[in-house]
């Protein structure tokens, strides 16, 4: 791993750590998940987190549960863990690929926040099949996904919302999403392009001078590197999941912008 690669990912991880909902699970998102955790407490459950989401790890620590975590990128794990130094945790980090991991046990609960969006569309069947291999009979795969709706494609109209808005951590997080969804989405390939979203927003400063401070802070605090995510509509995503899993229910939080396109799917093996 080159020094440049390491530094690039470290910067991305640190900037991502700055963001809040919708980028990270909200209080209501966690309230959706918590009852499923409480249901399995008595059996000393085996729990797996795909990635190293801070909110999930805090929930496991709350109930003194051991959790395994799998991520191919150890840098993200190290940066996220730096925000949890004051919390006593029972964790094991496994550096591996979600497509090819062959863990030595199966799990009662597998959690993954936006993990599906990180998977290219042509690789998703392989990913889903490997998740199923690691689920116990009766085990659950609970995952939040961001989907895309045509109604969300409004072009540069969203920029006017920021004219008199106070600059806050949440507002900057929302601006990140606005920029990516409005300027960075390729409707043909169904891919969101992170850097394109930022660069297109930057061009708007000439037309909307009040955005200059927002763009400056965006560049300082938010991820602007080349990164892409695959996104389907609600119906397309649900259809894709139903091919591989039994969809028990779909739930939505309501405490952040874009909540209506960020469902949490509760899934089990068929």
C-alpha atoms as a PDB file:
ATOM      1  CA  UNK A   1       0.000   0.000   0.000  1.00  0.00           C
ATOM      2  CA  UNK A   2       1.604   3.282  -1.093  1.00  0.00           C
ATOM      3  CA  UNK A   3       1.976   6.281   1.190  1.00  0.00           C
ATOM      4  CA  UNK A   4      -0.152   8.394  -1.170  1.00  0.00           C
ATOM      5  CA  UNK A   5      -2.943   5.796  -1.120  1.00  0.00           C
ATOM      6  CA  UNK A   6      -2.845   5.595   2.668  1.00  0.00           C
ATOM      7  CA  UNK A   7      -2.939   9.371   3.084  1.00  0.00           C
ATOM      8  CA  UNK A   8      -5.791   9.688   0.584  1.00  0.00           C
ATOM      9  CA  UNK A   9      -7.939   7.151   2.432  1.00  0.00           C
ATOM     10  CA  UNK A  10      -7.013   8.608   5.823  1.00  0.00           C
ATOM     11  CA  UNK A  11      -8.203  12.027   4.666  1.00  0.00           C
ATOM     12  CA  UNK A  12     -11.427  10.567   3.262  1.00  0.00           C
ATOM     13  CA  UNK A  13     -12.074   8.689   6.512  1.00  0.00           C
ATOM     14  CA  UNK A  14     -11.411  11.755   8.669  1.00  0.00           C
ATOM     15  CA  UNK A  15     -13.665  13.924   6.521  1.00  0.00           C
ATOM     16  CA  UNK A  16     -16.399  11.283   6.509  1.00  0.00           C
ATOM     17  CA  UNK A  17     -16.138  11.206  10.300  1.00  0.00           C
ATOM     18  CA  UNK A  18     -17.152  14.884  10.284  1.00  0.00           C
ATOM     19  CA  UNK A  19     -20.475  14.164   8.586  1.00  0.00           C
ATOM     20  CA  UNK A  20     -23.772  13.435  10.321  1.00  0.00           C
ATOM     21  CA  UNK A  21     -27.133  12.096   9.117  1.00  0.00           C
ATOM     22  CA  UNK A  22     -28.032  11.256   6.432  1.00  0.00           C
ATOM     23  CA  UNK A  23     -24.460   9.980   5.973  1.00  0.00           C
ATOM     24  CA  UNK A  24     -24.496   8.210   9.334  1.00  0.00           C
ATOM     25  CA  UNK A  25     -27.373   6.430  11.116  1.00  0.00           C
ATOM     26  CA  UNK A  26     -29.612   8.806  13.055  1.00  0.00           C
ATOM     27  CA  UNK A  27     -31.241   8.237  16.447  1.00  0.00           C
ATOM     28  CA  UNK A  28     -34.399   7.010  14.722  1.00  0.00           C
ATOM     29  CA  UNK A  29     -32.390   4.712  12.441  1.00  0.00           C
ATOM     30  CA  UNK A  30     -30.877   3.135  15.548  1.00  0.00           C
ATOM     31  CA  UNK A  31     -34.296   2.829  17.196  1.00  0.00           C
ATOM     32  CA  UNK A  32     -35.350   0.736  14.203  1.00  0.00           C
ATOM     33  CA  UNK A  33     -32.466  -1.671  14.804  1.00  0.00           C
ATOM     34  CA  UNK A  34     -32.359  -1.811  18.608  1.00  0.00           C
ATOM     35  CA  UNK A  35     -35.473  -3.994  19.160  1.00  0.00           C
ATOM     36  CA  UNK A  36     -33.964  -6.701  16.936  1.00  0.00           C
ATOM     37  CA  UNK A  37     -30.798  -6.616  19.029  1.00  0.00           C
ATOM     38  CA  UNK A  38     -32.745  -6.853  22.294  1.00  0.00           C
ATOM     39  CA  UNK A  39     -34.662  -9.886  20.995  1.00  0.00           C
ATOM     40  CA  UNK A  40     -31.505 -11.964  20.737  1.00  0.00           C
ATOM     41  CA  UNK A  41     -29.713 -10.856  23.917  1.00  0.00           C
ATOM     42  CA  UNK A  42     -30.456 -14.036  25.884  1.00  0.00           C
ATOM     43  CA  UNK A  43     -28.802 -16.331  23.349  1.00  0.00           C
ATOM     44  CA  UNK A  44     -25.382 -14.607  23.485  1.00  0.00           C
ATOM     45  CA  UNK A  45     -25.668 -13.774  19.810  1.00  0.00           C
ATOM     46  CA  UNK A  46     -23.039 -13.809  17.123  1.00  0.00           C
ATOM     47  CA  UNK A  47     -23.102 -10.390  15.453  1.00  0.00           C
ATOM     48  CA  UNK A  48     -21.273  -9.127  12.378  1.00  0.00           C
ATOM     49  CA  UNK A  49     -20.896  -5.553  11.164  1.00  0.00           C
ATOM     50  CA  UNK A  50     -19.952  -5.018   7.529  1.00  0.00           C
ATOM     51  CA  UNK A  51     -17.745  -1.964   7.815  1.00  0.00           C
ATOM     52  CA  UNK A  52     -17.084  -0.225  11.114  1.00  0.00           C
ATOM     53  CA  UNK A  53     -20.073   2.095  11.624  1.00  0.00           C
ATOM     54  CA  UNK A  54     -19.695   4.003  14.892  1.00  0.00           C
ATOM     55  CA  UNK A  55     -23.399   4.031  15.813  1.00  0.00           C
ATOM     56  CA  UNK A  56     -23.629   0.250  15.449  1.00  0.00           C
ATOM     57  CA  UNK A  57     -20.570  -0.250  17.632  1.00  0.00           C
ATOM     58  CA  UNK A  58     -21.990   2.017  20.325  1.00  0.00           C
ATOM     59  CA  UNK A  59     -25.194  -0.023  20.330  1.00  0.00           C
ATOM     60  CA  UNK A  60     -23.263  -3.265  20.765  1.00  0.00           C
ATOM     61  CA  UNK A  61     -21.249  -1.714  23.608  1.00  0.00           C
ATOM     62  CA  UNK A  62     -24.467  -0.599  25.300  1.00  0.00           C
ATOM     63  CA  UNK A  63     -25.501  -4.249  25.657  1.00  0.00           C
ATOM     64  CA  UNK A  64     -21.973  -5.526  26.310  1.00  0.00           C
ATOM     65  CA  UNK A  65     -22.081  -7.621  23.136  1.00  0.00           C
ATOM     66  CA  UNK A  66     -19.103  -8.957  21.249  1.00  0.00           C
ATOM     67  CA  UNK A  67     -19.111  -8.024  17.576  1.00  0.00           C
ATOM     68  CA  UNK A  68     -17.002  -8.990  14.582  1.00  0.00           C
ATOM     69  CA  UNK A  69     -16.333  -6.350  11.933  1.00  0.00           C
ATOM     70  CA  UNK A  70     -15.197  -6.933   8.369  1.00  0.00           C
ATOM     71  CA  UNK A  71     -13.778  -4.245   6.106  1.00  0.00           C
ATOM     72  CA  UNK A  72     -11.175  -4.350   3.384  1.00  0.00           C
ATOM     73  CA  UNK A  73      -9.918  -0.937   4.474  1.00  0.00           C
ATOM     74  CA  UNK A  74      -8.149  -0.889   7.833  1.00  0.00           C
ATOM     75  CA  UNK A  75      -7.674   2.872   7.634  1.00  0.00           C
ATOM     76  CA  UNK A  76     -11.428   3.490   7.921  1.00  0.00           C
ATOM     77  CA  UNK A  77     -11.506   1.194  10.937  1.00  0.00           C
ATOM     78  CA  UNK A  78      -8.643   3.009  12.677  1.00  0.00           C
ATOM     79  CA  UNK A  79     -10.104   6.469  12.088  1.00  0.00           C
ATOM     80  CA  UNK A  80     -13.592   5.458  13.228  1.00  0.00           C
ATOM     81  CA  UNK A  81     -12.177   3.735  16.295  1.00  0.00           C
ATOM     82  CA  UNK A  82     -10.485   6.994  17.313  1.00  0.00           C
ATOM     83  CA  UNK A  83     -13.978   8.334  18.070  1.00  0.00           C
ATOM     84  CA  UNK A  84     -14.723   5.447  20.454  1.00  0.00           C
ATOM     85  CA  UNK A  85     -11.754   5.510  22.813  1.00  0.00           C
ATOM     86  CA  UNK A  86     -13.904   6.316  25.867  1.00  0.00           C
ATOM     87  CA  UNK A  87     -16.316   3.426  25.283  1.00  0.00           C
ATOM     88  CA  UNK A  88     -15.614  -0.087  26.506  1.00  0.00           C
ATOM     89  CA  UNK A  89     -16.144  -2.474  23.615  1.00  0.00           C
ATOM     90  CA  UNK A  90     -15.830  -6.148  22.740  1.00  0.00           C
ATOM     91  CA  UNK A  91     -14.743  -6.159  19.124  1.00  0.00           C
ATOM     92  CA  UNK A  92     -12.724  -8.094  16.604  1.00  0.00           C
ATOM     93  CA  UNK A  93     -11.677  -6.463  13.353  1.00  0.00           C
ATOM     94  CA  UNK A  94     -11.159  -8.700  10.324  1.00  0.00           C
ATOM     95  CA  UNK A  95      -9.563  -7.184   7.249  1.00  0.00           C
ATOM     96  CA  UNK A  96     -11.249  -8.938   4.359  1.00  0.00           C
ATOM     97  CA  UNK A  97     -13.363  -8.521   1.251  1.00  0.00           C
ATOM     98  CA  UNK A  98     -17.152  -8.792   1.614  1.00  0.00           C
ATOM     99  CA  UNK A  99     -17.353 -10.789  -1.629  1.00  0.00           C
ATOM    100  CA  UNK A 100     -14.827 -13.438  -0.703  1.00  0.00           C
ATOM    101  CA  UNK A 101     -14.725 -13.523   3.112  1.00  0.00           C
ATOM    102  CA  UNK A 102     -14.983 -17.008   4.563  1.00  0.00           C
ATOM    103  CA  UNK A 103     -15.512 -16.498   8.269  1.00  0.00           C
ATOM    104  CA  UNK A 104     -15.433 -19.442  10.646  1.00  0.00           C
ATOM    105  CA  UNK A 105     -18.942 -18.951  11.981  1.00  0.00           C
ATOM    106  CA  UNK A 106     -22.436 -17.862  11.063  1.00  0.00           C
ATOM    107  CA  UNK A 107     -24.304 -14.970  12.597  1.00  0.00           C
ATOM    108  CA  UNK A 108     -27.613 -14.212  14.265  1.00  0.00           C
ATOM    109  CA  UNK A 109     -27.403 -10.629  13.034  1.00  0.00           C
ATOM    110  CA  UNK A 110     -25.477  -8.947  10.221  1.00  0.00           C
ATOM    111  CA  UNK A 111     -25.555  -5.151  10.030  1.00  0.00           C
ATOM    112  CA  UNK A 112     -24.417  -2.893   7.214  1.00  0.00           C
ATOM    113  CA  UNK A 113     -25.024   0.822   6.760  1.00  0.00           C
ATOM    114  CA  UNK A 114     -25.060   1.808   3.072  1.00  0.00           C
ATOM    115  CA  UNK A 115     -22.876  -1.202   2.277  1.00  0.00           C
ATOM    116  CA  UNK A 116     -25.022  -2.151  -0.714  1.00  0.00           C
ATOM    117  CA  UNK A 117     -24.416   1.238  -2.335  1.00  0.00           C
ATOM    118  CA  UNK A 118     -20.686   0.530  -2.190  1.00  0.00           C
ATOM    119  CA  UNK A 119     -21.203  -2.596  -4.301  1.00  0.00           C
ATOM    120  CA  UNK A 120     -21.197  -2.210  -8.121  1.00  0.00           C
ATOM    121  CA  UNK A 121     -24.455  -3.432  -9.638  1.00  0.00           C
ATOM    122  CA  UNK A 122     -22.763  -6.294 -11.487  1.00  0.00           C
ATOM    123  CA  UNK A 123     -21.207  -7.582  -8.241  1.00  0.00           C
ATOM    124  CA  UNK A 124     -24.259  -7.516  -6.022  1.00  0.00           C
ATOM    125  CA  UNK A 125     -25.445 -11.090  -6.531  1.00  0.00           C
ATOM    126  CA  UNK A 126     -22.050 -12.342  -5.391  1.00  0.00           C
ATOM    127  CA  UNK A 127     -22.209 -10.067  -2.346  1.00  0.00           C
ATOM    128  CA  UNK A 128     -25.743 -11.119  -1.394  1.00  0.00           C
ATOM    129  CA  UNK A 129     -24.893 -14.806  -1.699  1.00  0.00           C
ATOM    130  CA  UNK A 130     -21.907 -14.405   0.586  1.00  0.00           C
ATOM    131  CA  UNK A 131     -23.984 -12.543   3.169  1.00  0.00           C
ATOM    132  CA  UNK A 132     -26.513 -15.401   3.120  1.00  0.00           C
ATOM    133  CA  UNK A 133     -23.731 -17.941   3.651  1.00  0.00           C
ATOM    134  CA  UNK A 134     -22.851 -16.185   6.889  1.00  0.00           C
ATOM    135  CA  UNK A 135     -26.406 -15.999   8.266  1.00  0.00           C
ATOM    136  CA  UNK A 136     -27.686 -18.599  10.707  1.00  0.00           C
ATOM    137  CA  UNK A 137     -31.120 -20.116  10.160  1.00  0.00           C
ATOM    138  CA  UNK A 138     -33.445 -17.422  11.456  1.00  0.00           C
ATOM    139  CA  UNK A 139     -30.658 -14.840  11.343  1.00  0.00           C
ATOM    140  CA  UNK A 140     -31.272 -11.295  10.099  1.00  0.00           C
ATOM    141  CA  UNK A 141     -29.469  -9.010   7.686  1.00  0.00           C
ATOM    142  CA  UNK A 142     -30.413  -5.417   8.541  1.00  0.00           C
ATOM    143  CA  UNK A 143     -29.156  -2.778   6.158  1.00  0.00           C
ATOM    144  CA  UNK A 144     -29.848   0.857   5.335  1.00  0.00           C
ATOM    145  CA  UNK A 145     -29.690   1.776   1.651  1.00  0.00           C
ATOM    146  CA  UNK A 146     -30.050   5.070  -0.161  1.00  0.00           C
ATOM    147  CA  UNK A 147     -32.236   4.889  -3.225  1.00  0.00           C
ATOM    148  CA  UNK A 148     -33.009   7.387  -5.948  1.00  0.00           C
ATOM    149  CA  UNK A 149     -36.268   8.928  -7.097  1.00  0.00           C
ATOM    150  CA  UNK A 150     -36.854  11.186 -10.088  1.00  0.00           C
ATOM    151  CA  UNK A 151     -38.543  13.687  -7.764  1.00  0.00           C
ATOM    152  CA  UNK A 152     -35.171  14.199  -6.095  1.00  0.00           C
ATOM    153  CA  UNK A 153     -33.570  15.405  -9.331  1.00  0.00           C
ATOM    154  CA  UNK A 154     -34.183  19.165  -9.157  1.00  0.00           C
ATOM    155  CA  UNK A 155     -30.929  20.527 -10.569  1.00  0.00           C
ATOM    156  CA  UNK A 156     -29.511  23.672  -9.018  1.00  0.00           C
ATOM    157  CA  UNK A 157     -32.763  24.758  -7.339  1.00  0.00           C
ATOM    158  CA  UNK A 158     -31.532  23.391  -4.006  1.00  0.00           C
ATOM    159  CA  UNK A 159     -28.765  26.023  -3.906  1.00  0.00           C
ATOM    160  CA  UNK A 160     -31.258  28.744  -2.970  1.00  0.00           C
ATOM    161  CA  UNK A 161     -31.926  26.905   0.294  1.00  0.00           C
ATOM    162  CA  UNK A 162     -28.435  27.836   1.455  1.00  0.00           C
ATOM    163  CA  UNK A 163     -28.669  31.599   0.945  1.00  0.00           C
ATOM    164  CA  UNK A 164     -29.771  32.346   4.501  1.00  0.00           C
ATOM    165  CA  UNK A 165     -29.052  29.013   6.151  1.00  0.00           C
ATOM    166  CA  UNK A 166     -26.657  28.888   9.092  1.00  0.00           C
ATOM    167  CA  UNK A 167     -23.463  26.973   8.437  1.00  0.00           C
ATOM    168  CA  UNK A 168     -23.563  23.918  10.677  1.00  0.00           C
ATOM    169  CA  UNK A 169     -22.176  20.405  10.591  1.00  0.00           C
ATOM    170  CA  UNK A 170     -25.605  19.074   9.644  1.00  0.00           C
ATOM    171  CA  UNK A 171     -26.130  21.696   6.932  1.00  0.00           C
ATOM    172  CA  UNK A 172     -22.767  20.856   5.366  1.00  0.00           C
ATOM    173  CA  UNK A 173     -23.620  17.160   5.477  1.00  0.00           C
ATOM    174  CA  UNK A 174     -26.881  17.912   3.680  1.00  0.00           C
ATOM    175  CA  UNK A 175     -25.060  20.037   1.109  1.00  0.00           C
ATOM    176  CA  UNK A 176     -22.783  17.088   0.376  1.00  0.00           C
ATOM    177  CA  UNK A 177     -25.802  14.928  -0.414  1.00  0.00           C
ATOM    178  CA  UNK A 178     -27.544  17.682  -2.380  1.00  0.00           C
ATOM    179  CA  UNK A 179     -24.479  18.174  -4.560  1.00  0.00           C
ATOM    180  CA  UNK A 180     -23.901  14.495  -5.244  1.00  0.00           C
ATOM    181  CA  UNK A 181     -27.533  13.682  -5.999  1.00  0.00           C
ATOM    182  CA  UNK A 182     -28.187  16.788  -8.102  1.00  0.00           C
ATOM    183  CA  UNK A 183     -24.876  17.105  -9.947  1.00  0.00           C
ATOM    184  CA  UNK A 184     -23.101  13.783  -9.549  1.00  0.00           C
ATOM    185  CA  UNK A 185     -25.715  11.210 -10.549  1.00  0.00           C
ATOM    186  CA  UNK A 186     -25.460   9.453 -13.903  1.00  0.00           C
ATOM    187  CA  UNK A 187     -28.977   8.278 -14.732  1.00  0.00           C
ATOM    188  CA  UNK A 188     -27.740   5.819 -17.377  1.00  0.00           C
ATOM    189  CA  UNK A 189     -25.179   3.985 -15.269  1.00  0.00           C
ATOM    190  CA  UNK A 190     -27.071   4.564 -11.984  1.00  0.00           C
ATOM    191  CA  UNK A 191     -23.873   5.705 -10.332  1.00  0.00           C
ATOM    192  CA  UNK A 192     -23.298   8.660  -7.997  1.00  0.00           C
ATOM    193  CA  UNK A 193     -19.967  10.391  -8.514  1.00  0.00           C
ATOM    194  CA  UNK A 194     -18.606  12.118  -5.441  1.00  0.00           C
ATOM    195  CA  UNK A 195     -16.018  14.436  -6.960  1.00  0.00           C
ATOM    196  CA  UNK A 196     -18.241  15.437  -9.874  1.00  0.00           C
ATOM    197  CA  UNK A 197     -20.876  16.591  -7.401  1.00  0.00           C
ATOM    198  CA  UNK A 198     -18.384  18.905  -5.730  1.00  0.00           C
ATOM    199  CA  UNK A 199     -16.850  20.264  -8.948  1.00  0.00           C
ATOM    200  CA  UNK A 200     -20.264  21.065 -10.420  1.00  0.00           C
ATOM    201  CA  UNK A 201     -21.269  22.842  -7.211  1.00  0.00           C
ATOM    202  CA  UNK A 202     -18.052  24.849  -7.328  1.00  0.00           C
ATOM    203  CA  UNK A 203     -19.016  26.141 -10.781  1.00  0.00           C
ATOM    204  CA  UNK A 204     -22.208  27.609  -9.311  1.00  0.00           C
ATOM    205  CA  UNK A 205     -20.313  30.172  -7.208  1.00  0.00           C
ATOM    206  CA  UNK A 206     -20.213  32.658 -10.106  1.00  0.00           C
ATOM    207  CA  UNK A 207     -23.992  32.541 -10.373  1.00  0.00           C
ATOM    208  CA  UNK A 208     -24.627  32.316  -6.624  1.00  0.00           C
ATOM    209  CA  UNK A 209     -21.857  34.302  -4.831  1.00  0.00           C
ATOM    210  CA  UNK A 210     -23.269  33.466  -1.385  1.00  0.00           C
ATOM    211  CA  UNK A 211     -22.209  29.873  -1.992  1.00  0.00           C
ATOM    212  CA  UNK A 212     -18.521  30.823  -1.843  1.00  0.00           C
ATOM    213  CA  UNK A 213     -18.248  30.223   1.923  1.00  0.00           C
ATOM    214  CA  UNK A 214     -20.173  26.965   1.614  1.00  0.00           C
ATOM    215  CA  UNK A 215     -17.893  25.661  -1.121  1.00  0.00           C
ATOM    216  CA  UNK A 216     -14.798  26.650   0.865  1.00  0.00           C
ATOM    217  CA  UNK A 217     -15.988  24.757   3.950  1.00  0.00           C
ATOM    218  CA  UNK A 218     -17.172  21.836   1.819  1.00  0.00           C
ATOM    219  CA  UNK A 219     -13.659  21.526   0.385  1.00  0.00           C
ATOM    220  CA  UNK A 220     -12.072  21.748   3.847  1.00  0.00           C
ATOM    221  CA  UNK A 221     -14.326  19.388   5.765  1.00  0.00           C
ATOM    222  CA  UNK A 222     -16.118  16.995   3.418  1.00  0.00           C
ATOM    223  CA  UNK A 223     -14.875  14.184   1.160  1.00  0.00           C
ATOM    224  CA  UNK A 224     -14.163  15.479  -2.354  1.00  0.00           C
ATOM    225  CA  UNK A 225     -12.023  12.620  -3.646  1.00  0.00           C
ATOM    226  CA  UNK A 226     -13.024  10.350  -6.519  1.00  0.00           C
ATOM    227  CA  UNK A 227     -15.516   7.878  -5.095  1.00  0.00           C
ATOM    228  CA  UNK A 228     -18.664   6.396  -6.560  1.00  0.00           C
ATOM    229  CA  UNK A 229     -21.751   4.583  -5.327  1.00  0.00           C
ATOM    230  CA  UNK A 230     -24.405   2.550  -7.146  1.00  0.00           C
ATOM    231  CA  UNK A 231     -28.015   3.621  -6.624  1.00  0.00           C
ATOM    232  CA  UNK A 232     -31.361   2.133  -7.672  1.00  0.00           C
ATOM    233  CA  UNK A 233     -34.916   3.367  -7.245  1.00  0.00           C
ATOM    234  CA  UNK A 234     -36.986   2.048  -4.327  1.00  0.00           C
ATOM    235  CA  UNK A 235     -38.799  -0.477  -6.499  1.00  0.00           C
ATOM    236  CA  UNK A 236     -35.619  -1.640  -8.242  1.00  0.00           C
ATOM    237  CA  UNK A 237     -33.763  -2.068  -4.962  1.00  0.00           C
ATOM    238  CA  UNK A 238     -36.608  -3.972  -3.347  1.00  0.00           C
ATOM    239  CA  UNK A 239     -36.908  -6.267  -6.375  1.00  0.00           C
ATOM    240  CA  UNK A 240     -33.166  -6.950  -6.273  1.00  0.00           C
ATOM    241  CA  UNK A 241     -33.257  -7.835  -2.573  1.00  0.00           C
ATOM    242  CA  UNK A 242     -36.295 -10.087  -2.924  1.00  0.00           C
ATOM    243  CA  UNK A 243     -34.441 -12.251  -5.431  1.00  0.00           C
ATOM    244  CA  UNK A 244     -31.990 -13.237  -2.726  1.00  0.00           C
ATOM    245  CA  UNK A 245     -33.728 -12.702   0.622  1.00  0.00           C
ATOM    246  CA  UNK A 246     -37.050 -12.794   2.361  1.00  0.00           C
ATOM    247  CA  UNK A 247     -37.977  -9.156   2.946  1.00  0.00           C
ATOM    248  CA  UNK A 248     -39.546  -9.070   6.400  1.00  0.00           C
ATOM    249  CA  UNK A 249     -40.234  -5.347   6.509  1.00  0.00           C
ATOM    250  CA  UNK A 250     -38.986  -1.952   5.383  1.00  0.00           C
ATOM    251  CA  UNK A 251     -38.753   0.932   7.839  1.00  0.00           C
ATOM    252  CA  UNK A 252     -37.886   4.612   7.583  1.00  0.00           C
ATOM    253  CA  UNK A 253     -36.515   7.130  10.038  1.00  0.00           C
ATOM    254  CA  UNK A 254     -37.913  10.657   9.813  1.00  0.00           C
ATOM    255  CA  UNK A 255     -35.311  12.761  11.597  1.00  0.00           C
ATOM    256  CA  UNK A 256     -33.050  13.938   8.748  1.00  0.00           C
ATOM    257  CA  UNK A 257     -33.153  15.284   5.215  1.00  0.00           C
ATOM    258  CA  UNK A 258     -33.342  12.528   2.587  1.00  0.00           C
ATOM    259  CA  UNK A 259     -34.872  10.096   5.094  1.00  0.00           C
ATOM    260  CA  UNK A 260     -37.542   9.210   2.554  1.00  0.00           C
ATOM    261  CA  UNK A 261     -34.948   7.619   0.243  1.00  0.00           C
ATOM    262  CA  UNK A 262     -32.983   5.869   3.016  1.00  0.00           C
ATOM    263  CA  UNK A 263     -34.990   2.791   4.001  1.00  0.00           C
ATOM    264  CA  UNK A 264     -33.774   0.177   6.441  1.00  0.00           C
ATOM    265  CA  UNK A 265     -34.483  -3.314   5.125  1.00  0.00           C
ATOM    266  CA  UNK A 266     -34.998  -6.202   7.550  1.00  0.00           C
ATOM    267  CA  UNK A 267     -34.033  -9.368   5.672  1.00  0.00           C
ATOM    268  CA  UNK A 268     -33.598 -13.077   6.291  1.00  0.00           C
ATOM    269  CA  UNK A 269     -32.679 -16.120   4.251  1.00  0.00           C
ATOM    270  CA  UNK A 270     -35.508 -17.583   2.193  1.00  0.00           C
END
